[in-house]
N, C-alpha and C. Protein backbone atom coordinates (compact mmCIF):
# COMPACT_ATOMS: atom_id res chain seq x y z
N MET A 1 -12.45 17.37 0.48
CA MET A 1 -11.18 16.71 0.14
C MET A 1 -10.02 17.53 0.69
N ALA A 2 -9.10 16.87 1.35
CA ALA A 2 -7.99 17.59 1.98
C ALA A 2 -7.13 18.28 0.95
N ASP A 3 -6.56 19.42 1.35
CA ASP A 3 -5.65 20.16 0.47
C ASP A 3 -4.48 19.30 0.06
N GLY A 4 -4.15 19.31 -1.22
CA GLY A 4 -2.97 18.58 -1.69
C GLY A 4 -3.20 17.10 -1.90
N TYR A 5 -4.47 16.61 -1.74
CA TYR A 5 -4.73 15.17 -1.86
C TYR A 5 -4.37 14.66 -3.24
N LEU A 6 -4.86 15.36 -4.31
CA LEU A 6 -4.59 14.88 -5.67
C LEU A 6 -3.11 14.89 -5.98
N GLU A 7 -2.43 15.93 -5.49
CA GLU A 7 -0.99 16.01 -5.74
C GLU A 7 -0.25 14.87 -5.05
N SER A 8 -0.65 14.57 -3.79
CA SER A 8 0.03 13.50 -3.05
C SER A 8 -0.26 12.14 -3.68
N ARG A 9 -1.50 11.93 -4.18
CA ARG A 9 -1.82 10.66 -4.82
C ARG A 9 -1.04 10.51 -6.12
N TYR A 10 -0.86 11.62 -6.87
CA TYR A 10 -0.10 11.57 -8.11
C TYR A 10 1.34 11.17 -7.82
N ASP A 11 1.93 11.79 -6.77
CA ASP A 11 3.31 11.45 -6.41
C ASP A 11 3.42 10.01 -5.95
N GLU A 12 2.39 9.53 -5.23
CA GLU A 12 2.42 8.16 -4.71
C GLU A 12 2.40 7.15 -5.85
N VAL A 13 1.60 7.42 -6.89
CA VAL A 13 1.45 6.47 -8.00
C VAL A 13 2.55 6.63 -9.03
N PHE A 14 2.88 7.88 -9.38
CA PHE A 14 3.82 8.12 -10.46
C PHE A 14 5.20 8.58 -10.02
N GLY A 15 5.34 8.87 -8.73
CA GLY A 15 6.63 9.36 -8.26
C GLY A 15 6.69 10.87 -8.38
N ALA A 16 7.57 11.46 -7.58
CA ALA A 16 7.65 12.93 -7.54
C ALA A 16 8.05 13.52 -8.88
N LYS A 17 8.74 12.75 -9.72
CA LYS A 17 9.22 13.28 -11.00
C LYS A 17 8.34 12.83 -12.16
N GLY A 18 7.16 12.29 -11.85
CA GLY A 18 6.23 11.94 -12.91
C GLY A 18 6.45 10.56 -13.51
N LYS A 19 7.42 9.79 -13.00
CA LYS A 19 7.66 8.45 -13.52
C LYS A 19 6.79 7.45 -12.76
N LYS A 20 6.21 6.52 -13.51
CA LYS A 20 5.33 5.54 -12.88
C LYS A 20 6.13 4.64 -11.94
N VAL A 21 5.62 4.48 -10.73
CA VAL A 21 6.27 3.66 -9.72
C VAL A 21 5.41 2.42 -9.45
N VAL A 22 6.02 1.24 -9.50
CA VAL A 22 5.29 0.01 -9.20
C VAL A 22 5.42 -0.27 -7.71
N VAL A 23 4.31 -0.24 -7.00
CA VAL A 23 4.30 -0.46 -5.56
C VAL A 23 3.99 -1.93 -5.29
N LYS A 24 4.93 -2.63 -4.67
CA LYS A 24 4.74 -4.05 -4.38
C LYS A 24 3.85 -4.18 -3.15
N ARG A 25 2.77 -4.92 -3.29
CA ARG A 25 1.82 -5.09 -2.21
C ARG A 25 1.95 -6.50 -1.63
N ILE A 26 2.15 -6.59 -0.32
CA ILE A 26 2.23 -7.87 0.36
C ILE A 26 0.93 -8.06 1.14
N SER A 27 0.19 -9.11 0.81
CA SER A 27 -1.10 -9.34 1.46
C SER A 27 -0.91 -10.00 2.81
N ILE A 28 -1.90 -9.82 3.68
CA ILE A 28 -1.85 -10.46 4.99
C ILE A 28 -1.92 -11.98 4.83
N ASP A 29 -2.64 -12.46 3.82
CA ASP A 29 -2.71 -13.91 3.59
C ASP A 29 -1.34 -14.48 3.27
N SER A 30 -0.56 -13.74 2.49
CA SER A 30 0.79 -14.20 2.14
C SER A 30 1.67 -14.28 3.38
N LEU A 31 1.60 -13.26 4.23
CA LEU A 31 2.39 -13.25 5.46
C LEU A 31 1.99 -14.40 6.38
N LEU A 32 0.68 -14.64 6.48
CA LEU A 32 0.20 -15.70 7.35
C LEU A 32 0.64 -17.08 6.86
N GLU A 33 0.62 -17.29 5.56
CA GLU A 33 1.05 -18.57 5.00
C GLU A 33 2.53 -18.81 5.24
N ARG A 34 3.33 -17.74 5.20
CA ARG A 34 4.77 -17.86 5.41
C ARG A 34 5.15 -17.91 6.89
N ASN A 35 4.19 -17.55 7.74
CA ASN A 35 4.46 -17.49 9.17
C ASN A 35 4.30 -18.87 9.81
N ARG A 36 5.25 -19.73 9.54
CA ARG A 36 5.20 -21.10 10.06
C ARG A 36 6.20 -21.25 11.20
N SER A 37 5.93 -22.21 12.08
CA SER A 37 6.80 -22.47 13.24
C SER A 37 8.00 -23.31 12.82
N HIS A 38 9.15 -22.70 12.74
CA HIS A 38 10.38 -23.41 12.38
C HIS A 38 11.10 -23.89 13.64
N ARG A 39 11.55 -25.14 13.59
CA ARG A 39 12.31 -25.71 14.72
C ARG A 39 13.76 -25.97 14.33
N GLY A 40 14.14 -25.49 13.17
CA GLY A 40 15.51 -25.58 12.71
C GLY A 40 15.87 -24.32 11.94
N PHE A 41 17.08 -23.80 12.16
CA PHE A 41 17.46 -22.52 11.56
C PHE A 41 18.85 -22.59 10.94
N ARG A 42 19.09 -21.72 9.96
CA ARG A 42 20.38 -21.66 9.28
C ARG A 42 21.37 -20.85 10.12
N LYS A 43 22.49 -21.47 10.43
CA LYS A 43 23.50 -20.82 11.27
C LYS A 43 24.17 -19.64 10.57
N GLU A 44 24.22 -19.70 9.22
CA GLU A 44 24.94 -18.64 8.50
C GLU A 44 24.23 -17.28 8.59
N HIS A 45 22.95 -17.29 8.94
CA HIS A 45 22.24 -16.02 9.10
C HIS A 45 22.23 -15.65 10.57
N VAL A 46 22.98 -14.64 10.92
CA VAL A 46 23.10 -14.21 12.31
C VAL A 46 22.08 -13.11 12.59
N VAL A 47 21.24 -13.33 13.58
CA VAL A 47 20.24 -12.33 13.98
C VAL A 47 20.84 -11.44 15.07
N THR A 48 20.88 -10.16 14.81
CA THR A 48 21.50 -9.21 15.73
C THR A 48 20.48 -8.66 16.73
N GLU A 49 20.99 -8.02 17.76
CA GLU A 49 20.12 -7.38 18.75
C GLU A 49 19.31 -6.27 18.09
N GLU A 50 19.90 -5.59 17.12
CA GLU A 50 19.19 -4.52 16.42
C GLU A 50 17.98 -5.07 15.68
N THR A 51 18.12 -6.25 15.09
CA THR A 51 16.99 -6.89 14.41
C THR A 51 15.90 -7.23 15.41
N LEU A 52 16.28 -7.77 16.57
CA LEU A 52 15.30 -8.11 17.60
C LEU A 52 14.57 -6.86 18.09
N LYS A 53 15.28 -5.74 18.19
CA LYS A 53 14.65 -4.50 18.62
C LYS A 53 13.58 -4.06 17.62
N LYS A 54 13.84 -4.24 16.33
CA LYS A 54 12.87 -3.86 15.30
C LYS A 54 11.62 -4.74 15.40
N ILE A 55 11.82 -6.01 15.73
CA ILE A 55 10.69 -6.91 15.88
C ILE A 55 9.86 -6.54 17.11
N VAL A 56 10.53 -6.27 18.21
CA VAL A 56 9.83 -5.89 19.45
C VAL A 56 9.08 -4.56 19.28
N ALA A 57 9.57 -3.70 18.42
CA ALA A 57 8.98 -2.37 18.24
C ALA A 57 7.52 -2.42 17.78
N VAL A 58 7.07 -3.53 17.21
CA VAL A 58 5.68 -3.61 16.78
C VAL A 58 4.73 -3.50 17.97
N ASN A 59 5.23 -3.79 19.16
CA ASN A 59 4.37 -3.73 20.34
C ASN A 59 3.93 -2.31 20.69
N ALA A 60 4.57 -1.33 20.08
CA ALA A 60 4.17 0.06 20.29
C ALA A 60 3.02 0.44 19.35
N LYS A 61 2.56 -0.50 18.51
CA LYS A 61 1.52 -0.20 17.53
C LYS A 61 0.30 -1.10 17.65
N ILE A 62 0.41 -2.22 18.34
CA ILE A 62 -0.65 -3.21 18.34
C ILE A 62 -1.68 -2.95 19.45
N PRO A 63 -2.87 -3.58 19.35
CA PRO A 63 -3.89 -3.42 20.39
C PRO A 63 -3.44 -4.01 21.72
N SER A 64 -4.06 -3.51 22.79
CA SER A 64 -3.79 -4.03 24.14
C SER A 64 -5.05 -3.87 24.97
N ALA A 65 -5.48 -4.95 25.65
CA ALA A 65 -6.68 -4.89 26.47
C ALA A 65 -6.56 -3.80 27.52
N LYS A 66 -7.54 -2.90 27.55
CA LYS A 66 -7.53 -1.75 28.47
C LYS A 66 -6.27 -0.91 28.30
N ASN A 67 -5.58 -1.10 27.17
CA ASN A 67 -4.34 -0.39 26.87
C ASN A 67 -3.31 -0.53 27.98
N GLN A 68 -3.26 -1.72 28.59
CA GLN A 68 -2.36 -1.94 29.73
C GLN A 68 -0.89 -1.93 29.33
N GLN A 69 -0.57 -2.53 28.17
CA GLN A 69 0.81 -2.59 27.68
C GLN A 69 1.77 -3.09 28.77
N VAL A 70 1.51 -4.30 29.23
CA VAL A 70 2.24 -4.83 30.39
C VAL A 70 3.51 -5.60 30.04
N PHE A 71 3.78 -5.82 28.76
CA PHE A 71 4.91 -6.67 28.40
C PHE A 71 6.23 -5.91 28.32
N ARG A 72 7.29 -6.58 28.80
CA ARG A 72 8.65 -6.11 28.65
C ARG A 72 9.46 -7.27 28.08
N PHE A 73 10.52 -6.97 27.37
CA PHE A 73 11.18 -7.99 26.56
C PHE A 73 12.68 -8.06 26.83
N LYS A 74 13.16 -9.26 27.02
CA LYS A 74 14.60 -9.50 27.16
C LYS A 74 15.10 -10.06 25.84
N LEU A 75 16.06 -9.35 25.24
CA LEU A 75 16.60 -9.76 23.95
C LEU A 75 17.86 -10.57 24.17
N VAL A 76 17.92 -11.73 23.53
CA VAL A 76 19.05 -12.64 23.72
C VAL A 76 19.60 -13.05 22.36
N THR A 77 20.91 -12.89 22.18
CA THR A 77 21.58 -13.33 20.95
C THR A 77 22.63 -14.38 21.31
N LYS A 78 23.34 -14.84 20.31
CA LYS A 78 24.37 -15.84 20.53
C LYS A 78 25.40 -15.34 21.53
N GLU A 79 25.71 -14.04 21.47
CA GLU A 79 26.74 -13.47 22.33
C GLU A 79 26.23 -13.17 23.74
N THR A 80 24.91 -13.14 23.92
CA THR A 80 24.39 -12.71 25.21
C THR A 80 23.57 -13.78 25.94
N GLY A 81 23.79 -15.05 25.58
CA GLY A 81 23.16 -16.10 26.38
C GLY A 81 22.23 -17.05 25.67
N ALA A 82 22.33 -17.17 24.35
CA ALA A 82 21.46 -18.09 23.62
C ALA A 82 21.60 -19.52 24.14
N ASP A 83 22.82 -19.89 24.53
CA ASP A 83 23.05 -21.25 25.04
C ASP A 83 22.26 -21.49 26.33
N LYS A 84 22.09 -20.45 27.14
CA LYS A 84 21.33 -20.57 28.38
C LYS A 84 19.85 -20.80 28.09
N VAL A 85 19.34 -20.14 27.05
CA VAL A 85 17.94 -20.35 26.67
C VAL A 85 17.76 -21.77 26.14
N LEU A 86 18.67 -22.20 25.26
CA LEU A 86 18.57 -23.53 24.66
C LEU A 86 18.55 -24.63 25.70
N ALA A 87 19.26 -24.43 26.79
CA ALA A 87 19.33 -25.44 27.84
C ALA A 87 18.04 -25.54 28.64
N ASN A 88 17.12 -24.60 28.42
CA ASN A 88 15.92 -24.56 29.25
C ASN A 88 14.62 -24.54 28.45
N ILE A 89 14.66 -24.97 27.19
CA ILE A 89 13.46 -25.02 26.37
C ILE A 89 13.28 -26.42 25.78
N LYS A 90 12.05 -26.70 25.36
CA LYS A 90 11.74 -27.96 24.68
C LYS A 90 11.02 -27.64 23.37
N LEU A 91 11.46 -28.30 22.28
CA LEU A 91 10.86 -28.07 20.97
C LEU A 91 10.29 -29.38 20.42
N GLY A 92 9.27 -29.23 19.58
CA GLY A 92 8.72 -30.40 18.89
C GLY A 92 8.13 -31.43 19.82
N GLY A 93 7.23 -31.01 20.69
CA GLY A 93 6.65 -31.92 21.67
C GLY A 93 5.89 -33.08 21.06
N MET A 94 5.36 -32.92 19.84
CA MET A 94 4.63 -34.00 19.18
C MET A 94 5.54 -34.94 18.41
N LEU A 95 6.82 -34.60 18.34
CA LEU A 95 7.79 -35.46 17.64
C LEU A 95 8.98 -35.74 18.56
N PRO A 96 8.74 -36.32 19.73
CA PRO A 96 9.81 -36.52 20.71
C PRO A 96 10.94 -37.42 20.22
N GLU A 97 10.63 -38.31 19.29
CA GLU A 97 11.64 -39.24 18.79
C GLU A 97 12.71 -38.55 17.94
N LEU A 98 12.42 -37.33 17.48
CA LEU A 98 13.39 -36.60 16.63
C LEU A 98 14.38 -35.78 17.44
N HIS A 99 14.07 -35.50 18.70
CA HIS A 99 14.94 -34.71 19.58
C HIS A 99 15.30 -33.37 18.92
N LEU A 100 14.28 -32.64 18.53
CA LEU A 100 14.48 -31.34 17.88
C LEU A 100 14.95 -30.30 18.89
N PRO A 101 15.75 -29.32 18.42
CA PRO A 101 16.23 -29.14 17.04
C PRO A 101 17.40 -30.06 16.73
N PHE A 102 17.61 -30.33 15.44
CA PHE A 102 18.75 -31.14 15.05
C PHE A 102 20.04 -30.37 15.32
N GLU A 103 21.10 -31.11 15.61
CA GLU A 103 22.39 -30.47 15.88
C GLU A 103 22.81 -29.62 14.68
N GLY A 104 23.20 -28.41 14.98
CA GLY A 104 23.64 -27.49 13.92
C GLY A 104 22.53 -26.61 13.38
N THR A 105 21.29 -26.80 13.88
CA THR A 105 20.17 -25.97 13.43
C THR A 105 19.48 -25.25 14.59
N GLU A 106 20.15 -25.20 15.73
CA GLU A 106 19.53 -24.58 16.91
C GLU A 106 19.32 -23.07 16.70
N PRO A 107 18.22 -22.52 17.20
CA PRO A 107 18.03 -21.07 17.15
C PRO A 107 19.06 -20.38 18.05
N GLU A 108 19.48 -19.19 17.65
CA GLU A 108 20.50 -18.46 18.42
C GLU A 108 20.09 -17.03 18.75
N ALA A 109 18.80 -16.73 18.58
CA ALA A 109 18.29 -15.41 18.94
C ALA A 109 16.90 -15.59 19.53
N PHE A 110 16.64 -14.93 20.64
CA PHE A 110 15.38 -15.12 21.35
C PHE A 110 14.85 -13.80 21.90
N ILE A 111 13.52 -13.73 21.99
CA ILE A 111 12.84 -12.64 22.67
C ILE A 111 12.06 -13.27 23.82
N ILE A 112 12.46 -12.96 25.05
CA ILE A 112 11.76 -13.48 26.23
C ILE A 112 10.69 -12.46 26.61
N VAL A 113 9.43 -12.89 26.57
CA VAL A 113 8.32 -12.00 26.85
C VAL A 113 7.95 -12.09 28.33
N CYS A 114 8.03 -10.97 29.02
CA CYS A 114 7.71 -10.92 30.45
C CYS A 114 6.52 -10.00 30.69
N SER A 115 5.81 -10.23 31.80
CA SER A 115 4.68 -9.39 32.15
C SER A 115 4.95 -8.68 33.47
N THR A 116 4.59 -7.39 33.51
CA THR A 116 4.80 -6.59 34.72
C THR A 116 3.68 -6.80 35.74
N VAL A 117 2.63 -7.53 35.33
CA VAL A 117 1.51 -7.83 36.23
C VAL A 117 1.24 -9.33 36.20
N PRO A 118 0.53 -9.86 37.19
CA PRO A 118 0.23 -11.30 37.20
C PRO A 118 -0.54 -11.73 35.96
N GLU A 119 -0.31 -12.96 35.52
CA GLU A 119 -0.98 -13.47 34.33
C GLU A 119 -2.48 -13.54 34.57
N SER A 120 -3.27 -13.19 33.55
CA SER A 120 -4.72 -13.18 33.63
C SER A 120 -5.29 -13.42 32.24
N LYS A 121 -6.60 -13.49 32.12
CA LYS A 121 -7.24 -13.70 30.82
C LYS A 121 -6.85 -12.59 29.85
N LEU A 122 -6.90 -11.34 30.32
CA LEU A 122 -6.58 -10.22 29.44
C LEU A 122 -5.10 -10.22 29.06
N VAL A 123 -4.25 -10.56 30.01
CA VAL A 123 -2.82 -10.64 29.71
C VAL A 123 -2.56 -11.72 28.67
N ASP A 124 -3.25 -12.85 28.79
CA ASP A 124 -3.06 -13.94 27.83
C ASP A 124 -3.55 -13.56 26.44
N ILE A 125 -4.65 -12.80 26.38
CA ILE A 125 -5.13 -12.31 25.07
C ILE A 125 -4.07 -11.42 24.44
N ASP A 126 -3.55 -10.49 25.23
CA ASP A 126 -2.50 -9.59 24.74
C ASP A 126 -1.24 -10.37 24.33
N LEU A 127 -0.94 -11.43 25.07
CA LEU A 127 0.25 -12.23 24.77
C LEU A 127 0.14 -12.85 23.38
N GLY A 128 -1.05 -13.37 23.07
CA GLY A 128 -1.24 -13.95 21.74
C GLY A 128 -1.09 -12.92 20.64
N ILE A 129 -1.66 -11.73 20.87
CA ILE A 129 -1.55 -10.66 19.88
C ILE A 129 -0.08 -10.26 19.69
N ALA A 130 0.63 -10.12 20.79
CA ALA A 130 2.04 -9.69 20.73
C ALA A 130 2.91 -10.71 20.00
N LEU A 131 2.76 -11.98 20.36
CA LEU A 131 3.57 -13.03 19.75
C LEU A 131 3.29 -13.16 18.26
N GLN A 132 2.02 -13.12 17.88
CA GLN A 132 1.67 -13.22 16.46
C GLN A 132 2.19 -12.01 15.69
N SER A 133 2.04 -10.83 16.27
CA SER A 133 2.50 -9.61 15.59
C SER A 133 4.01 -9.63 15.39
N MET A 134 4.75 -10.04 16.41
CA MET A 134 6.21 -10.11 16.27
C MET A 134 6.62 -11.18 15.27
N SER A 135 5.89 -12.29 15.25
CA SER A 135 6.19 -13.35 14.29
C SER A 135 5.97 -12.87 12.86
N LEU A 136 4.89 -12.12 12.65
CA LEU A 136 4.61 -11.59 11.32
C LEU A 136 5.65 -10.55 10.91
N LYS A 137 6.11 -9.75 11.86
CA LYS A 137 7.16 -8.78 11.56
C LYS A 137 8.44 -9.51 11.15
N ALA A 138 8.75 -10.60 11.83
CA ALA A 138 9.93 -11.38 11.47
C ALA A 138 9.82 -11.90 10.04
N VAL A 139 8.64 -12.41 9.68
CA VAL A 139 8.42 -12.91 8.33
C VAL A 139 8.56 -11.78 7.32
N ASP A 140 8.02 -10.62 7.65
CA ASP A 140 8.11 -9.46 6.77
C ASP A 140 9.56 -9.05 6.54
N MET A 141 10.44 -9.38 7.50
CA MET A 141 11.87 -9.05 7.39
C MET A 141 12.66 -10.20 6.75
N GLY A 142 11.96 -11.23 6.29
CA GLY A 142 12.64 -12.36 5.65
C GLY A 142 13.13 -13.40 6.63
N LEU A 143 12.62 -13.36 7.86
CA LEU A 143 13.04 -14.31 8.88
C LEU A 143 11.87 -15.22 9.26
N ASN A 144 12.08 -16.05 10.25
CA ASN A 144 11.04 -16.95 10.75
C ASN A 144 11.11 -17.01 12.27
N GLY A 145 10.07 -17.53 12.86
CA GLY A 145 10.04 -17.59 14.32
C GLY A 145 9.45 -18.88 14.84
N LEU A 146 9.52 -19.04 16.13
CA LEU A 146 8.92 -20.17 16.83
C LEU A 146 8.50 -19.70 18.21
N ILE A 147 7.21 -19.80 18.50
CA ILE A 147 6.70 -19.45 19.82
C ILE A 147 6.91 -20.64 20.75
N ILE A 148 7.59 -20.41 21.85
CA ILE A 148 7.94 -21.49 22.78
C ILE A 148 7.23 -21.27 24.12
N GLY A 149 6.42 -22.24 24.49
CA GLY A 149 5.74 -22.17 25.77
C GLY A 149 6.29 -23.17 26.77
N ALA A 150 7.03 -24.17 26.25
CA ALA A 150 7.61 -25.20 27.12
C ALA A 150 9.03 -24.82 27.50
N PHE A 151 9.17 -24.16 28.65
CA PHE A 151 10.50 -23.77 29.11
C PHE A 151 10.50 -23.69 30.64
N ASN A 152 11.68 -23.75 31.21
CA ASN A 152 11.83 -23.70 32.66
C ASN A 152 11.82 -22.24 33.12
N LYS A 153 10.68 -21.81 33.64
CA LYS A 153 10.53 -20.40 34.03
C LYS A 153 11.52 -19.99 35.11
N GLY A 154 11.70 -20.87 36.10
CA GLY A 154 12.59 -20.54 37.19
C GLY A 154 14.02 -20.34 36.72
N ASN A 155 14.50 -21.26 35.91
CA ASN A 155 15.89 -21.16 35.42
C ASN A 155 16.08 -19.94 34.52
N ILE A 156 15.11 -19.71 33.63
CA ILE A 156 15.22 -18.56 32.72
C ILE A 156 15.22 -17.26 33.53
N THR A 157 14.35 -17.17 34.52
CA THR A 157 14.31 -15.98 35.37
C THR A 157 15.63 -15.76 36.08
N GLU A 158 16.20 -16.83 36.59
CA GLU A 158 17.45 -16.73 37.33
C GLU A 158 18.64 -16.43 36.42
N GLU A 159 18.72 -17.14 35.29
CA GLU A 159 19.85 -16.98 34.37
C GLU A 159 19.96 -15.55 33.86
N PHE A 160 18.81 -14.91 33.61
CA PHE A 160 18.84 -13.56 33.02
C PHE A 160 18.44 -12.47 34.01
N GLU A 161 18.32 -12.86 35.28
CA GLU A 161 17.99 -11.90 36.34
C GLU A 161 16.78 -11.06 35.95
N LEU A 162 15.71 -11.71 35.53
CA LEU A 162 14.53 -11.01 35.06
C LEU A 162 13.74 -10.43 36.24
N PRO A 163 13.32 -9.18 36.14
CA PRO A 163 12.54 -8.56 37.22
C PRO A 163 11.06 -8.92 37.16
N TYR A 164 10.65 -9.54 36.03
CA TYR A 164 9.24 -9.89 35.85
C TYR A 164 9.14 -11.36 35.40
N GLU A 165 7.92 -11.91 35.53
CA GLU A 165 7.70 -13.31 35.17
C GLU A 165 7.73 -13.50 33.66
N PRO A 166 8.52 -14.45 33.16
CA PRO A 166 8.50 -14.74 31.71
C PRO A 166 7.29 -15.61 31.37
N LEU A 167 6.57 -15.23 30.31
CA LEU A 167 5.36 -15.96 29.92
C LEU A 167 5.58 -16.79 28.66
N ALA A 168 6.48 -16.36 27.80
CA ALA A 168 6.73 -17.07 26.54
C ALA A 168 8.08 -16.64 25.99
N ILE A 169 8.59 -17.45 25.08
CA ILE A 169 9.85 -17.13 24.41
C ILE A 169 9.63 -17.25 22.90
N LEU A 170 10.11 -16.28 22.17
CA LEU A 170 10.02 -16.29 20.71
C LEU A 170 11.41 -16.45 20.12
N ALA A 171 11.64 -17.59 19.46
CA ALA A 171 12.92 -17.81 18.77
C ALA A 171 12.85 -17.18 17.39
N ILE A 172 13.95 -16.55 16.98
CA ILE A 172 13.99 -15.86 15.68
C ILE A 172 15.21 -16.32 14.90
N GLY A 173 15.03 -16.55 13.61
CA GLY A 173 16.16 -16.93 12.76
C GLY A 173 15.70 -17.13 11.33
N SER A 174 16.62 -17.61 10.50
CA SER A 174 16.29 -17.94 9.11
C SER A 174 15.93 -19.41 9.05
N GLY A 175 14.65 -19.70 8.87
CA GLY A 175 14.17 -21.08 8.91
C GLY A 175 14.84 -21.99 7.90
N ALA A 176 15.17 -23.20 8.34
CA ALA A 176 15.85 -24.17 7.47
C ALA A 176 14.95 -25.33 7.09
N GLU A 177 13.66 -25.22 7.40
CA GLU A 177 12.76 -26.34 7.19
C GLU A 177 11.78 -26.08 6.05
N THR A 178 11.27 -27.17 5.46
CA THR A 178 10.19 -27.09 4.48
C THR A 178 8.90 -27.45 5.20
N ILE A 179 7.96 -26.51 5.23
CA ILE A 179 6.73 -26.71 5.98
C ILE A 179 5.53 -26.52 5.05
N ARG A 180 4.59 -27.45 5.14
CA ARG A 180 3.41 -27.39 4.29
C ARG A 180 2.14 -27.55 5.13
N LEU A 181 1.11 -26.80 4.75
CA LEU A 181 -0.18 -26.91 5.41
C LEU A 181 -1.00 -27.99 4.73
N VAL A 182 -1.76 -28.73 5.54
CA VAL A 182 -2.60 -29.81 5.04
C VAL A 182 -4.04 -29.56 5.48
N PRO A 183 -4.98 -29.37 4.55
CA PRO A 183 -6.38 -29.16 4.95
C PRO A 183 -6.98 -30.43 5.51
N ILE A 184 -7.71 -30.30 6.62
CA ILE A 184 -8.34 -31.46 7.26
C ILE A 184 -9.77 -31.12 7.67
N GLY A 185 -10.52 -32.18 7.99
CA GLY A 185 -11.85 -31.99 8.52
C GLY A 185 -11.78 -31.63 10.00
N ALA A 186 -12.86 -31.08 10.53
CA ALA A 186 -12.88 -30.61 11.91
C ALA A 186 -12.66 -31.73 12.92
N ASP A 187 -12.96 -32.97 12.54
CA ASP A 187 -12.84 -34.09 13.47
C ASP A 187 -11.54 -34.88 13.28
N GLU A 188 -10.67 -34.46 12.38
CA GLU A 188 -9.42 -35.18 12.14
C GLU A 188 -8.32 -34.72 13.08
N SER A 189 -7.26 -35.51 13.16
CA SER A 189 -6.15 -35.20 14.06
C SER A 189 -5.45 -33.90 13.66
N ARG A 190 -5.12 -33.09 14.66
CA ARG A 190 -4.37 -31.84 14.42
C ARG A 190 -2.87 -32.02 14.61
N ALA A 191 -2.41 -33.20 14.94
CA ALA A 191 -1.00 -33.44 15.23
C ALA A 191 -0.14 -33.22 13.99
N TYR A 192 0.90 -32.39 14.12
CA TYR A 192 1.81 -32.20 13.00
C TYR A 192 2.73 -33.41 12.88
N TYR A 193 3.31 -33.60 11.68
CA TYR A 193 4.13 -34.79 11.43
C TYR A 193 5.13 -34.50 10.31
N ARG A 194 6.07 -35.42 10.11
CA ARG A 194 7.08 -35.28 9.07
C ARG A 194 7.17 -36.56 8.25
N ASN A 195 7.52 -36.40 6.96
CA ASN A 195 7.71 -37.59 6.14
C ASN A 195 9.18 -37.99 6.13
N ALA A 196 9.53 -39.02 5.37
CA ALA A 196 10.89 -39.55 5.35
C ALA A 196 11.90 -38.53 4.83
N GLU A 197 11.43 -37.57 4.02
CA GLU A 197 12.33 -36.54 3.47
C GLU A 197 12.48 -35.36 4.41
N GLY A 198 11.80 -35.38 5.55
CA GLY A 198 11.92 -34.31 6.52
C GLY A 198 10.96 -33.15 6.31
N VAL A 199 10.03 -33.28 5.35
CA VAL A 199 9.05 -32.22 5.14
C VAL A 199 8.08 -32.21 6.32
N HIS A 200 7.84 -31.04 6.86
CA HIS A 200 7.00 -30.88 8.06
C HIS A 200 5.59 -30.52 7.62
N PHE A 201 4.60 -31.32 8.01
CA PHE A 201 3.22 -31.10 7.62
C PHE A 201 2.39 -30.62 8.82
N VAL A 202 1.60 -29.57 8.60
CA VAL A 202 0.78 -28.99 9.67
C VAL A 202 -0.69 -29.04 9.26
N PRO A 203 -1.49 -29.89 9.89
CA PRO A 203 -2.93 -29.96 9.56
C PRO A 203 -3.66 -28.70 10.00
N LYS A 204 -4.54 -28.19 9.12
CA LYS A 204 -5.36 -27.02 9.43
C LYS A 204 -6.80 -27.29 9.02
N VAL A 205 -7.74 -27.04 9.92
CA VAL A 205 -9.15 -27.26 9.63
C VAL A 205 -9.59 -26.37 8.46
N ARG A 206 -10.32 -26.95 7.51
CA ARG A 206 -10.77 -26.21 6.33
C ARG A 206 -11.64 -25.01 6.73
N PRO A 207 -11.51 -23.88 6.02
CA PRO A 207 -12.27 -22.67 6.36
C PRO A 207 -13.76 -22.90 6.45
N GLU A 208 -14.32 -23.71 5.54
CA GLU A 208 -15.76 -23.92 5.53
C GLU A 208 -16.27 -24.66 6.77
N GLU A 209 -15.34 -25.32 7.51
CA GLU A 209 -15.75 -26.05 8.69
C GLU A 209 -15.50 -25.26 9.99
N LEU A 210 -15.03 -24.02 9.82
CA LEU A 210 -14.78 -23.17 10.99
C LEU A 210 -16.01 -22.38 11.42
N VAL A 211 -16.96 -22.24 10.49
CA VAL A 211 -18.14 -21.41 10.74
C VAL A 211 -19.28 -22.26 11.30
N ILE A 212 -19.87 -21.80 12.38
CA ILE A 212 -21.01 -22.49 12.99
C ILE A 212 -22.25 -22.25 12.14
N PRO A 213 -22.89 -23.32 11.66
CA PRO A 213 -24.07 -23.13 10.79
C PRO A 213 -25.26 -22.57 11.58
């Protein structure tokens, strides 16, 4: 047993002065349930560049195939070109009749993910890990995100003078939508939808049907 282990555990549980400390534990399941794709955001919550830097910082801790660490990130806020990003992205592809985002709920902070090497299977695996990790960090900070794959690469590259190819864009903000998960069978439609009250429903295959017998 390492020197000082019992003392450090005592301080961790009861505090340095002997007072019991209640440690709030946030489970990964809770973070995953809250990590929903928002297509509308509250304008009153302004996401700063400093906040985006904290979200990007998770990339210094996550796994990377062959430890390549090929991603570089362009941070965009309302003051540094959010309007340029908005003009070159598409949201809510399964609900084209809604023309999302609704006026007044547009995201105003973005992380443009670029790769220093050509896209490949390993790069795409890392991209998924990076986007999910940053999304979870945003949720942990009380924010929400949206991974955007439908965007004009050429325009985005030109508008921001990017030295590398952009592979995805992550919108960050305070989500303004009500989103609920709906359990479905493996053969049912995965298309998300909304009811008359604007509640956004996301079908998810039941856990018991994910395992190959």
